[in-house]
Amino acid sequence: MKQKGFTLIELMIVVAIIGILAAVAVPRFAQMVEVSREGATKGNLSALRSSVSIYYSEKEGVWPVDLNNFTSYMAVIPPARAKPLGDSAVVSIVSTSPASPGIGWAYLQNGGLLWGNSIATDVKGTSFTSY
């Protein structure tokens, strides 16, 4: 009488294949999560820049002094979701583009420019200050 089922060797081969697939998929998944966080950062930066531009046009050529009391143009400052930016909504007033790692946003009052407040790079190697 022939028994039906899998041998121990066959089961070990299946477990090894699943382990190899997991070893390849997990780092890829982690990178995809970071890419999505960077996409959210770009979207939030765009919304923030649009609000600053609307303020500038309504105030007839005057840039906002800071963005902390900006509620009539944006209810809440959106966070910079990318990991190097600390998932933070902090807006730092700067006089030049950031020269060191920081968190949140960098805002240059003279010109109304906004960047990610860090010299770190995203997964593609692009600096957050060039967003």
C-alpha atoms as a PDB file:
ATOM      1  CA  MET A   1       0.000   0.000   0.000  1.00  0.00           C
ATOM      2  CA  LYS A   2       1.391   3.358  -1.080  1.00  0.00           C
ATOM      3  CA  GLN A   3       1.155   6.211   1.441  1.00  0.00           C
ATOM      4  CA  LYS A   4       0.138   9.672   0.300  1.00  0.00           C
ATOM      5  CA  GLY A   5       1.769  12.868   1.560  1.00  0.00           C
ATOM      6  CA  PHE A   6       4.950  14.875   1.473  1.00  0.00           C
ATOM      7  CA  THR A   7       8.337  13.719   2.609  1.00  0.00           C
ATOM      8  CA  LEU A   8      10.406  15.705   5.070  1.00  0.00           C
ATOM      9  CA  ILE A   9      12.827  16.700   2.286  1.00  0.00           C
ATOM     10  CA  GLU A  10      10.009  18.098   0.143  1.00  0.00           C
ATOM     11  CA  LEU A  11       8.694  20.161   3.059  1.00  0.00           C
ATOM     12  CA  MET A  12      12.196  21.493   3.806  1.00  0.00           C
ATOM     13  CA  ILE A  13      12.616  22.548   0.173  1.00  0.00           C
ATOM     14  CA  VAL A  14       9.288  24.423   0.269  1.00  0.00           C
ATOM     15  CA  VAL A  15      10.281  26.189   3.513  1.00  0.00           C
ATOM     16  CA  ALA A  16      13.663  27.142   1.999  1.00  0.00           C
ATOM     17  CA  ILE A  17      11.988  28.588  -1.107  1.00  0.00           C
ATOM     18  CA  ILE A  18       9.567  30.613   1.029  1.00  0.00           C
ATOM     19  CA  GLY A  19      12.526  31.898   3.075  1.00  0.00           C
ATOM     20  CA  ILE A  20      14.375  33.002  -0.066  1.00  0.00           C
ATOM     21  CA  LEU A  21      11.283  34.778  -1.392  1.00  0.00           C
ATOM     22  CA  ALA A  22      10.790  36.543   1.951  1.00  0.00           C
ATOM     23  CA  ALA A  23      14.448  37.622   2.030  1.00  0.00           C
ATOM     24  CA  VAL A  24      13.993  39.267  -1.362  1.00  0.00           C
ATOM     25  CA  ALA A  25      10.533  40.759  -0.748  1.00  0.00           C
ATOM     26  CA  VAL A  26      10.960  42.346   2.709  1.00  0.00           C
ATOM     27  CA  PRO A  27      13.689  44.879   1.765  1.00  0.00           C
ATOM     28  CA  ARG A  28      11.764  45.752  -1.384  1.00  0.00           C
ATOM     29  CA  PHE A  29       8.623  46.365   0.668  1.00  0.00           C
ATOM     30  CA  ALA A  30      10.521  48.600   3.103  1.00  0.00           C
ATOM     31  CA  GLN A  31      11.837  50.677   0.192  1.00  0.00           C
ATOM     32  CA  MET A  32       8.322  50.979  -1.262  1.00  0.00           C
ATOM     33  CA  VAL A  33       7.056  52.293   2.083  1.00  0.00           C
ATOM     34  CA  GLU A  34       9.781  54.964   2.131  1.00  0.00           C
ATOM     35  CA  VAL A  35       9.032  55.940  -1.492  1.00  0.00           C
ATOM     36  CA  SER A  36       5.373  56.434  -0.550  1.00  0.00           C
ATOM     37  CA  ARG A  37       6.379  58.581   2.460  1.00  0.00           C
ATOM     38  CA  GLU A  38       8.517  60.716   0.153  1.00  0.00           C
ATOM     39  CA  GLY A  39       5.590  61.068  -2.251  1.00  0.00           C
ATOM     40  CA  ALA A  40       3.406  62.265   0.631  1.00  0.00           C
ATOM     41  CA  THR A  41       6.156  64.738   1.565  1.00  0.00           C
ATOM     42  CA  LYS A  42       6.185  66.145  -1.967  1.00  0.00           C
ATOM     43  CA  GLY A  43       2.395  66.452  -1.971  1.00  0.00           C
ATOM     44  CA  ASN A  44       2.357  68.200   1.410  1.00  0.00           C
ATOM     45  CA  LEU A  45       5.133  70.554   0.301  1.00  0.00           C
ATOM     46  CA  SER A  46       3.141  71.426  -2.809  1.00  0.00           C
ATOM     47  CA  ALA A  47       0.033  72.203  -0.725  1.00  0.00           C
ATOM     48  CA  LEU A  48       2.086  74.380   1.609  1.00  0.00           C
ATOM     49  CA  ARG A  49       3.693  76.250  -1.296  1.00  0.00           C
ATOM     50  CA  SER A  50       0.269  76.842  -2.847  1.00  0.00           C
ATOM     51  CA  SER A  51      -1.026  78.330   0.401  1.00  0.00           C
ATOM     52  CA  VAL A  52       1.998  80.632   0.639  1.00  0.00           C
ATOM     53  CA  SER A  53       1.422  81.751  -2.966  1.00  0.00           C
ATOM     54  CA  ILE A  54      -2.245  82.490  -2.269  1.00  0.00           C
ATOM     55  CA  TYR A  55      -1.228  84.539   0.786  1.00  0.00           C
ATOM     56  CA  TYR A  56       1.318  86.435  -1.332  1.00  0.00           C
ATOM     57  CA  SER A  57      -1.258  87.284  -3.998  1.00  0.00           C
ATOM     58  CA  GLU A  58      -3.940  88.318  -1.488  1.00  0.00           C
ATOM     59  CA  LYS A  59      -1.515  90.491   0.498  1.00  0.00           C
ATOM     60  CA  GLU A  60      -0.318  92.151  -2.720  1.00  0.00           C
ATOM     61  CA  GLY A  61       3.299  91.082  -2.747  1.00  0.00           C
ATOM     62  CA  VAL A  62       3.993  90.454   0.935  1.00  0.00           C
ATOM     63  CA  TRP A  63       5.294  87.040   2.011  1.00  0.00           C
ATOM     64  CA  PRO A  64       4.087  85.576   5.318  1.00  0.00           C
ATOM     65  CA  VAL A  65       6.390  86.291   8.273  1.00  0.00           C
ATOM     66  CA  ASP A  66       5.992  82.761   9.611  1.00  0.00           C
ATOM     67  CA  LEU A  67       3.685  79.853   8.927  1.00  0.00           C
ATOM     68  CA  ASN A  68       2.687  79.001  12.492  1.00  0.00           C
ATOM     69  CA  ASN A  69      -0.288  81.415  12.509  1.00  0.00           C
ATOM     70  CA  PHE A  70      -1.354  80.594   8.983  1.00  0.00           C
ATOM     71  CA  THR A  71      -4.760  79.066   9.763  1.00  0.00           C
ATOM     72  CA  SER A  72      -6.828  81.180   7.389  1.00  0.00           C
ATOM     73  CA  TYR A  73      -4.861  79.704   4.474  1.00  0.00           C
ATOM     74  CA  MET A  74      -4.178  76.220   5.802  1.00  0.00           C
ATOM     75  CA  ALA A  75      -5.934  74.749   8.840  1.00  0.00           C
ATOM     76  CA  VAL A  76      -2.950  72.629   9.854  1.00  0.00           C
ATOM     77  CA  ILE A  77       0.636  72.643   8.598  1.00  0.00           C
ATOM     78  CA  PRO A  78       1.077  69.243   6.915  1.00  0.00           C
ATOM     79  CA  PRO A  79       4.018  67.143   8.108  1.00  0.00           C
ATOM     80  CA  ALA A  80       7.111  66.272   6.116  1.00  0.00           C
ATOM     81  CA  ARG A  81       6.506  62.504   6.071  1.00  0.00           C
ATOM     82  CA  ALA A  82       9.929  61.335   4.833  1.00  0.00           C
ATOM     83  CA  LYS A  83      12.036  59.611   7.498  1.00  0.00           C
ATOM     84  CA  PRO A  84      15.010  62.027   7.358  1.00  0.00           C
ATOM     85  CA  LEU A  85      12.591  64.927   7.925  1.00  0.00           C
ATOM     86  CA  GLY A  86      11.243  63.362  11.113  1.00  0.00           C
ATOM     87  CA  ASP A  87       7.566  63.132  10.074  1.00  0.00           C
ATOM     88  CA  SER A  88       7.358  66.644  11.497  1.00  0.00           C
ATOM     89  CA  ALA A  89       5.272  69.741  10.751  1.00  0.00           C
ATOM     90  CA  VAL A  90       7.825  72.092  12.341  1.00  0.00           C
ATOM     91  CA  VAL A  91       8.580  75.119  10.150  1.00  0.00           C
ATOM     92  CA  SER A  92      12.051  76.578  10.701  1.00  0.00           C
ATOM     93  CA  ILE A  93      12.730  80.122   9.508  1.00  0.00           C
ATOM     94  CA  VAL A  94      16.031  80.121   7.602  1.00  0.00           C
ATOM     95  CA  SER A  95      18.160  82.659   5.769  1.00  0.00           C
ATOM     96  CA  THR A  96      19.584  80.165   3.241  1.00  0.00           C
ATOM     97  CA  SER A  97      18.785  76.630   2.186  1.00  0.00           C
ATOM     98  CA  PRO A  98      19.517  74.069   4.933  1.00  0.00           C
ATOM     99  CA  ALA A  99      23.159  73.084   5.403  1.00  0.00           C
ATOM    100  CA  SER A 100      22.658  70.344   7.990  1.00  0.00           C
ATOM    101  CA  PRO A 101      20.197  67.582   8.831  1.00  0.00           C
ATOM    102  CA  GLY A 102      16.988  68.882  10.359  1.00  0.00           C
ATOM    103  CA  ILE A 103      13.319  68.034  10.669  1.00  0.00           C
ATOM    104  CA  GLY A 104      10.156  69.394   9.101  1.00  0.00           C
ATOM    105  CA  TRP A 105      10.162  72.309   6.695  1.00  0.00           C
ATOM    106  CA  ALA A 106      12.571  75.186   6.064  1.00  0.00           C
ATOM    107  CA  TYR A 107      10.986  78.538   5.151  1.00  0.00           C
ATOM    108  CA  LEU A 108      12.867  81.481   3.640  1.00  0.00           C
ATOM    109  CA  GLN A 109      10.767  84.582   4.367  1.00  0.00           C
ATOM    110  CA  ASN A 110      12.442  86.717   1.725  1.00  0.00           C
ATOM    111  CA  GLY A 111      11.002  85.039  -1.352  1.00  0.00           C
ATOM    112  CA  GLY A 112       8.528  82.674   0.303  1.00  0.00           C
ATOM    113  CA  LEU A 113      10.608  79.593  -0.502  1.00  0.00           C
ATOM    114  CA  LEU A 114       9.969  76.251   1.195  1.00  0.00           C
ATOM    115  CA  TRP A 115      12.100  73.092   1.318  1.00  0.00           C
ATOM    116  CA  GLY A 116      12.480  69.937   3.281  1.00  0.00           C
ATOM    117  CA  ASN A 117      14.685  71.016   6.204  1.00  0.00           C
ATOM    118  CA  SER A 118      17.546  68.574   5.649  1.00  0.00           C
ATOM    119  CA  ILE A 119      20.572  67.979   3.461  1.00  0.00           C
ATOM    120  CA  ALA A 120      19.736  64.266   3.486  1.00  0.00           C
ATOM    121  CA  THR A 121      18.712  62.549   0.261  1.00  0.00           C
ATOM    122  CA  ASP A 122      15.696  60.463  -0.693  1.00  0.00           C
ATOM    123  CA  VAL A 123      15.845  56.874  -1.980  1.00  0.00           C
ATOM    124  CA  LYS A 124      16.686  58.158  -5.471  1.00  0.00           C
ATOM    125  CA  GLY A 125      19.586  60.282  -4.178  1.00  0.00           C
ATOM    126  CA  THR A 126      17.791  63.635  -4.586  1.00  0.00           C
ATOM    127  CA  SER A 127      18.354  66.157  -1.798  1.00  0.00           C
ATOM    128  CA  PHE A 128      15.248  67.238   0.129  1.00  0.00           C
ATOM    129  CA  THR A 129      16.365  70.839  -0.407  1.00  0.00           C
ATOM    130  CA  SER A 130      15.820  70.420  -4.146  1.00  0.00           C
ATOM    131  CA  TYR A 131      12.175  69.367  -3.838  1.00  0.00           C
END
